[in-house]
Amino acid sequence: MNADIDIFGVYVPSLMILALVAIIANLLIRSALARAGVYRLVWHRSLFDLALFVIVLSGLFSIFQRFVS
């Protein structure tokens, strides 16, 4: 993945943009899970949130790869 994105003359790695999108999506998913009461069933909330972030980021990365290539 060598695709850099040009934002007003500054080249930004595409993985950083995907990570920012994943953080926003992760915040929305976490708030929905908290309202649904899923966190009562989770042993370690921080590890669960980290795993959720990795899953969202890898999903976004896979979608991005299909559009770029």
PDB file of N, CA and C in Angstrom:
ATOM      1  N   MET A   1       0.840  -1.171   0.000  1.00  0.00           N
ATOM      2  CA  MET A   1       0.000   0.000   0.000  1.00  0.00           C
ATOM      3  C   MET A   1       0.883   1.231   0.000  1.00  0.00           C
ATOM      4  N   ASN A   2       1.166   1.727  -1.182  1.00  0.00           N
ATOM      5  CA  ASN A   2       2.015   2.905  -1.321  1.00  0.00           C
ATOM      6  C   ASN A   2       1.226   4.138  -1.700  1.00  0.00           C
ATOM      7  N   ALA A   3      -0.061   4.084  -1.563  1.00  0.00           N
ATOM      8  CA  ALA A   3      -0.900   5.205  -1.974  1.00  0.00           C
ATOM      9  C   ALA A   3      -0.872   6.300  -0.910  1.00  0.00           C
ATOM     10  N   ASP A   4      -0.280   7.413  -1.261  1.00  0.00           N
ATOM     11  CA  ASP A   4      -0.322   8.594  -0.404  1.00  0.00           C
ATOM     12  C   ASP A   4      -1.404   9.513  -0.926  1.00  0.00           C
ATOM     13  N   ILE A   5      -2.074  10.188  -0.024  1.00  0.00           N
ATOM     14  CA  ILE A   5      -3.167  11.077  -0.391  1.00  0.00           C
ATOM     15  C   ILE A   5      -2.678  12.512  -0.241  1.00  0.00           C
ATOM     16  N   ASP A   6      -2.891  13.294  -1.281  1.00  0.00           N
ATOM     17  CA  ASP A   6      -2.465  14.690  -1.293  1.00  0.00           C
ATOM     18  C   ASP A   6      -3.566  15.557  -0.698  1.00  0.00           C
ATOM     19  N   ILE A   7      -3.292  16.168   0.453  1.00  0.00           N
ATOM     20  CA  ILE A   7      -4.250  17.071   1.102  1.00  0.00           C
ATOM     21  C   ILE A   7      -3.604  18.453   1.166  1.00  0.00           C
ATOM     22  N   PHE A   8      -4.022  19.312   0.268  1.00  0.00           N
ATOM     23  CA  PHE A   8      -3.508  20.683   0.179  1.00  0.00           C
ATOM     24  C   PHE A   8      -1.990  20.728   0.084  1.00  0.00           C
ATOM     25  N   GLY A   9      -1.413  19.835  -0.710  1.00  0.00           N
ATOM     26  CA  GLY A   9       0.026  19.828  -0.928  1.00  0.00           C
ATOM     27  C   GLY A   9       0.814  19.020   0.070  1.00  0.00           C
ATOM     28  N   VAL A  10       0.158  18.423   1.036  1.00  0.00           N
ATOM     29  CA  VAL A  10       0.837  17.600   2.030  1.00  0.00           C
ATOM     30  C   VAL A  10       0.453  16.149   1.764  1.00  0.00           C
ATOM     31  N   TYR A  11       1.453  15.312   1.580  1.00  0.00           N
ATOM     32  CA  TYR A  11       1.195  13.898   1.343  1.00  0.00           C
ATOM     33  C   TYR A  11       1.032  13.168   2.671  1.00  0.00           C
ATOM     34  N   VAL A  12      -0.119  12.553   2.820  1.00  0.00           N
ATOM     35  CA  VAL A  12      -0.478  11.865   4.054  1.00  0.00           C
ATOM     36  C   VAL A  12      -0.623  10.383   3.726  1.00  0.00           C
ATOM     37  N   PRO A  13      -0.045   9.511   4.552  1.00  0.00           N
ATOM     38  CA  PRO A  13      -0.216   8.081   4.298  1.00  0.00           C
ATOM     39  C   PRO A  13      -1.693   7.692   4.378  1.00  0.00           C
ATOM     40  N   SER A  14      -2.106   6.853   3.455  1.00  0.00           N
ATOM     41  CA  SER A  14      -3.515   6.479   3.410  1.00  0.00           C
ATOM     42  C   SER A  14      -3.918   5.663   4.641  1.00  0.00           C
ATOM     43  N   LEU A  15      -2.974   4.951   5.233  1.00  0.00           N
ATOM     44  CA  LEU A  15      -3.295   4.193   6.444  1.00  0.00           C
ATOM     45  C   LEU A  15      -3.665   5.125   7.598  1.00  0.00           C
ATOM     46  N   MET A  16      -3.061   6.305   7.657  1.00  0.00           N
ATOM     47  CA  MET A  16      -3.406   7.258   8.708  1.00  0.00           C
ATOM     48  C   MET A  16      -4.825   7.792   8.516  1.00  0.00           C
ATOM     49  N   ILE A  17      -5.209   8.041   7.275  1.00  0.00           N
ATOM     50  CA  ILE A  17      -6.579   8.489   6.992  1.00  0.00           C
ATOM     51  C   ILE A  17      -7.565   7.388   7.355  1.00  0.00           C
ATOM     52  N   LEU A  18      -7.221   6.143   6.997  1.00  0.00           N
ATOM     53  CA  LEU A  18      -8.090   5.018   7.348  1.00  0.00           C
ATOM     54  C   LEU A  18      -8.186   4.845   8.860  1.00  0.00           C
ATOM     55  N   ALA A  19      -7.093   5.077   9.573  1.00  0.00           N
ATOM     56  CA  ALA A  19      -7.121   4.968  11.027  1.00  0.00           C
ATOM     57  C   ALA A  19      -8.025   6.032  11.648  1.00  0.00           C
ATOM     58  N   LEU A  20      -8.010   7.234  11.109  1.00  0.00           N
ATOM     59  CA  LEU A  20      -8.900   8.287  11.616  1.00  0.00           C
ATOM     60  C   LEU A  20     -10.362   7.943  11.366  1.00  0.00           C
ATOM     61  N   VAL A  21     -10.658   7.399  10.190  1.00  0.00           N
ATOM     62  CA  VAL A  21     -12.023   6.970   9.889  1.00  0.00           C
ATOM     63  C   VAL A  21     -12.426   5.817  10.805  1.00  0.00           C
ATOM     64  N   ALA A  22     -11.477   4.913  11.070  1.00  0.00           N
ATOM     65  CA  ALA A  22     -11.757   3.780  11.954  1.00  0.00           C
ATOM     66  C   ALA A  22     -12.011   4.241  13.388  1.00  0.00           C
ATOM     67  N   ILE A  23     -11.314   5.273  13.835  1.00  0.00           N
ATOM     68  CA  ILE A  23     -11.547   5.800  15.179  1.00  0.00           C
ATOM     69  C   ILE A  23     -12.960   6.369  15.288  1.00  0.00           C
ATOM     70  N   ILE A  24     -13.378   7.103  14.276  1.00  0.00           N
ATOM     71  CA  ILE A  24     -14.730   7.676  14.296  1.00  0.00           C
ATOM     72  C   ILE A  24     -15.776   6.576  14.269  1.00  0.00           C
ATOM     73  N   ALA A  25     -15.578   5.579  13.391  1.00  0.00           N
ATOM     74  CA  ALA A  25     -16.516   4.459  13.329  1.00  0.00           C
ATOM     75  C   ALA A  25     -16.515   3.679  14.633  1.00  0.00           C
ATOM     76  N   ASN A  26     -15.345   3.535  15.229  1.00  0.00           N
ATOM     77  CA  ASN A  26     -15.228   2.814  16.493  1.00  0.00           C
ATOM     78  C   ASN A  26     -15.978   3.537  17.612  1.00  0.00           C
ATOM     79  N   LEU A  27     -15.907   4.847  17.640  1.00  0.00           N
ATOM     80  CA  LEU A  27     -16.642   5.605  18.654  1.00  0.00           C
ATOM     81  C   LEU A  27     -18.144   5.415  18.519  1.00  0.00           C
ATOM     82  N   LEU A  28     -18.621   5.408  17.273  1.00  0.00           N
ATOM     83  CA  LEU A  28     -20.054   5.199  17.045  1.00  0.00           C
ATOM     84  C   LEU A  28     -20.487   3.784  17.436  1.00  0.00           C
ATOM     85  N   ILE A  29     -19.673   2.802  17.083  1.00  0.00           N
ATOM     86  CA  ILE A  29     -20.005   1.413  17.429  1.00  0.00           C
ATOM     87  C   ILE A  29     -19.956   1.209  18.943  1.00  0.00           C
ATOM     88  N   ARG A  30     -18.952   1.808  19.597  1.00  0.00           N
ATOM     89  CA  ARG A  30     -18.839   1.655  21.053  1.00  0.00           C
ATOM     90  C   ARG A  30     -20.032   2.272  21.775  1.00  0.00           C
ATOM     91  N   SER A  31     -20.504   3.420  21.301  1.00  0.00           N
ATOM     92  CA  SER A  31     -21.660   4.027  21.960  1.00  0.00           C
ATOM     93  C   SER A  31     -22.913   3.189  21.747  1.00  0.00           C
ATOM     94  N   ALA A  32     -23.048   2.590  20.564  1.00  0.00           N
ATOM     95  CA  ALA A  32     -24.196   1.717  20.319  1.00  0.00           C
ATOM     96  C   ALA A  32     -24.119   0.454  21.183  1.00  0.00           C
ATOM     97  N   LEU A  33     -22.932  -0.093  21.342  1.00  0.00           N
ATOM     98  CA  LEU A  33     -22.772  -1.283  22.188  1.00  0.00           C
ATOM     99  C   LEU A  33     -23.017  -0.957  23.661  1.00  0.00           C
ATOM    100  N   ALA A  34     -22.617   0.232  24.085  1.00  0.00           N
ATOM    101  CA  ALA A  34     -22.844   0.626  25.475  1.00  0.00           C
ATOM    102  C   ALA A  34     -24.336   0.808  25.750  1.00  0.00           C
ATOM    103  N   ARG A  35     -25.058   1.375  24.786  1.00  0.00           N
ATOM    104  CA  ARG A  35     -26.509   1.542  24.961  1.00  0.00           C
ATOM    105  C   ARG A  35     -27.224   0.202  24.980  1.00  0.00           C
ATOM    106  N   ALA A  36     -26.708  -0.758  24.200  1.00  0.00           N
ATOM    107  CA  ALA A  36     -27.335  -2.077  24.136  1.00  0.00           C
ATOM    108  C   ALA A  36     -26.981  -2.937  25.350  1.00  0.00           C
ATOM    109  N   GLY A  37     -26.011  -2.524  26.128  1.00  0.00           N
ATOM    110  CA  GLY A  37     -25.631  -3.263  27.326  1.00  0.00           C
ATOM    111  C   GLY A  37     -24.697  -4.430  27.061  1.00  0.00           C
ATOM    112  N   VAL A  38     -23.996  -4.392  25.950  1.00  0.00           N
ATOM    113  CA  VAL A  38     -23.089  -5.487  25.598  1.00  0.00           C
ATOM    114  C   VAL A  38     -21.881  -5.513  26.520  1.00  0.00           C
ATOM    115  N   TYR A  39     -21.475  -4.376  27.017  1.00  0.00           N
ATOM    116  CA  TYR A  39     -20.279  -4.311  27.852  1.00  0.00           C
ATOM    117  C   TYR A  39     -20.449  -5.021  29.197  1.00  0.00           C
ATOM    118  N   ARG A  40     -21.665  -5.334  29.568  1.00  0.00           N
ATOM    119  CA  ARG A  40     -21.859  -6.118  30.789  1.00  0.00           C
ATOM    120  C   ARG A  40     -21.353  -7.543  30.618  1.00  0.00           C
ATOM    121  N   LEU A  41     -21.290  -8.013  29.370  1.00  0.00           N
ATOM    122  CA  LEU A  41     -20.859  -9.371  29.075  1.00  0.00           C
ATOM    123  C   LEU A  41     -19.373  -9.480  28.751  1.00  0.00           C
ATOM    124  N   VAL A  42     -18.693  -8.333  28.684  1.00  0.00           N
ATOM    125  CA  VAL A  42     -17.286  -8.292  28.283  1.00  0.00           C
ATOM    126  C   VAL A  42     -16.406  -8.341  29.520  1.00  0.00           C
ATOM    127  N   TRP A  43     -15.357  -9.179  29.448  1.00  0.00           N
ATOM    128  CA  TRP A  43     -14.462  -9.338  30.592  1.00  0.00           C
ATOM    129  C   TRP A  43     -13.556  -8.122  30.760  1.00  0.00           C
ATOM    130  N   HIS A  44     -12.916  -7.673  29.678  1.00  0.00           N
ATOM    131  CA  HIS A  44     -11.965  -6.562  29.754  1.00  0.00           C
ATOM    132  C   HIS A  44     -12.328  -5.562  28.654  1.00  0.00           C
ATOM    133  N   ARG A  45     -12.913  -4.460  29.056  1.00  0.00           N
ATOM    134  CA  ARG A  45     -13.462  -3.507  28.092  1.00  0.00           C
ATOM    135  C   ARG A  45     -12.388  -2.905  27.191  1.00  0.00           C
ATOM    136  N   SER A  46     -11.218  -2.609  27.731  1.00  0.00           N
ATOM    137  CA  SER A  46     -10.160  -1.994  26.927  1.00  0.00           C
ATOM    138  C   SER A  46      -9.662  -2.936  25.837  1.00  0.00           C
ATOM    139  N   LEU A  47      -9.484  -4.201  26.175  1.00  0.00           N
ATOM    140  CA  LEU A  47      -9.063  -5.175  25.165  1.00  0.00           C
ATOM    141  C   LEU A  47     -10.138  -5.368  24.107  1.00  0.00           C
ATOM    142  N   PHE A  48     -11.380  -5.372  24.524  1.00  0.00           N
ATOM    143  CA  PHE A  48     -12.491  -5.496  23.585  1.00  0.00           C
ATOM    144  C   PHE A  48     -12.518  -4.310  22.631  1.00  0.00           C
ATOM    145  N   ASP A  49     -12.315  -3.107  23.158  1.00  0.00           N
ATOM    146  CA  ASP A  49     -12.307  -1.912  22.312  1.00  0.00           C
ATOM    147  C   ASP A  49     -11.124  -1.922  21.343  1.00  0.00           C
ATOM    148  N   LEU A  50      -9.968  -2.393  21.795  1.00  0.00           N
ATOM    149  CA  LEU A  50      -8.817  -2.490  20.908  1.00  0.00           C
ATOM    150  C   LEU A  50      -9.075  -3.496  19.785  1.00  0.00           C
ATOM    151  N   ALA A  51      -9.634  -4.643  20.135  1.00  0.00           N
ATOM    152  CA  ALA A  51      -9.950  -5.647  19.120  1.00  0.00           C
ATOM    153  C   ALA A  51     -10.988  -5.113  18.139  1.00  0.00           C
ATOM    154  N   LEU A  52     -11.945  -4.374  18.631  1.00  0.00           N
ATOM    155  CA  LEU A  52     -12.957  -3.777  17.764  1.00  0.00           C
ATOM    156  C   LEU A  52     -12.324  -2.779  16.803  1.00  0.00           C
ATOM    157  N   PHE A  53     -11.382  -1.981  17.286  1.00  0.00           N
ATOM    158  CA  PHE A  53     -10.682  -1.022  16.425  1.00  0.00           C
ATOM    159  C   PHE A  53      -9.888  -1.741  15.341  1.00  0.00           C
ATOM    160  N   VAL A  54      -9.203  -2.807  15.702  1.00  0.00           N
ATOM    161  CA  VAL A  54      -8.406  -3.556  14.722  1.00  0.00           C
ATOM    162  C   VAL A  54      -9.316  -4.177  13.666  1.00  0.00           C
ATOM    163  N   ILE A  55     -10.457  -4.693  14.075  1.00  0.00           N
ATOM    164  CA  ILE A  55     -11.400  -5.287  13.126  1.00  0.00           C
ATOM    165  C   ILE A  55     -11.943  -4.225  12.175  1.00  0.00           C
ATOM    166  N   VAL A  56     -12.311  -3.074  12.702  1.00  0.00           N
ATOM    167  CA  VAL A  56     -12.845  -1.996  11.854  1.00  0.00           C
ATOM    168  C   VAL A  56     -11.765  -1.488  10.900  1.00  0.00           C
ATOM    169  N   LEU A  57     -10.548  -1.311  11.402  1.00  0.00           N
ATOM    170  CA  LEU A  57      -9.455  -0.825  10.558  1.00  0.00           C
ATOM    171  C   LEU A  57      -9.125  -1.829   9.456  1.00  0.00           C
ATOM    172  N   SER A  58      -9.091  -3.104   9.777  1.00  0.00           N
ATOM    173  CA  SER A  58      -8.781  -4.099   8.750  1.00  0.00           C
ATOM    174  C   SER A  58      -9.906  -4.182   7.717  1.00  0.00           C
ATOM    175  N   GLY A  59     -11.137  -4.016   8.149  1.00  0.00           N
ATOM    176  CA  GLY A  59     -12.244  -3.986   7.194  1.00  0.00           C
ATOM    177  C   GLY A  59     -12.160  -2.796   6.258  1.00  0.00           C
ATOM    178  N   LEU A  60     -11.861  -1.634   6.803  1.00  0.00           N
ATOM    179  CA  LEU A  60     -11.699  -0.445   5.968  1.00  0.00           C
ATOM    180  C   LEU A  60     -10.515  -0.591   5.016  1.00  0.00           C
ATOM    181  N   PHE A  61      -9.446  -1.201   5.499  1.00  0.00           N
ATOM    182  CA  PHE A  61      -8.266  -1.424   4.669  1.00  0.00           C
ATOM    183  C   PHE A  61      -8.600  -2.358   3.502  1.00  0.00           C
ATOM    184  N   SER A  62      -9.374  -3.399   3.762  1.00  0.00           N
ATOM    185  CA  SER A  62      -9.769  -4.330   2.705  1.00  0.00           C
ATOM    186  C   SER A  62     -10.647  -3.642   1.666  1.00  0.00           C
ATOM    187  N   ILE A  63     -11.584  -2.834   2.126  1.00  0.00           N
ATOM    188  CA  ILE A  63     -12.446  -2.092   1.197  1.00  0.00           C
ATOM    189  C   ILE A  63     -11.615  -1.107   0.379  1.00  0.00           C
ATOM    190  N   PHE A  64     -10.681  -0.422   1.025  1.00  0.00           N
ATOM    191  CA  PHE A  64      -9.822   0.540   0.332  1.00  0.00           C
ATOM    192  C   PHE A  64      -8.970  -0.150  -0.723  1.00  0.00           C
ATOM    193  N   GLN A  65      -8.436  -1.315  -0.411  1.00  0.00           N
ATOM    194  CA  GLN A  65      -7.604  -2.055  -1.366  1.00  0.00           C
ATOM    195  C   GLN A  65      -8.392  -2.466  -2.602  1.00  0.00           C
ATOM    196  N   ARG A  66      -9.655  -2.824  -2.436  1.00  0.00           N
ATOM    197  CA  ARG A  66     -10.477  -3.212  -3.588  1.00  0.00           C
ATOM    198  C   ARG A  66     -10.726  -2.027  -4.512  1.00  0.00           C
ATOM    199  N   PHE A  67     -10.874  -0.822  -3.942  1.00  0.00           N
ATOM    200  CA  PHE A  67     -11.112   0.352  -4.770  1.00  0.00           C
ATOM    201  C   PHE A  67      -9.852   0.888  -5.415  1.00  0.00           C
ATOM    202  N   VAL A  68      -8.718   0.738  -4.765  1.00  0.00           N
ATOM    203  CA  VAL A  68      -7.470   1.262  -5.304  1.00  0.00           C
ATOM    204  C   VAL A  68      -6.934   0.367  -6.416  1.00  0.00           C
ATOM    205  N   SER A  69      -6.990  -0.931  -6.221  1.00  0.00           N
ATOM    206  CA  SER A  69      -6.409  -1.835  -7.221  1.00  0.00           C
ATOM    207  C   SER A  69      -7.393  -2.272  -8.268  1.00  0.00           C
TER     208      SER A  69
END
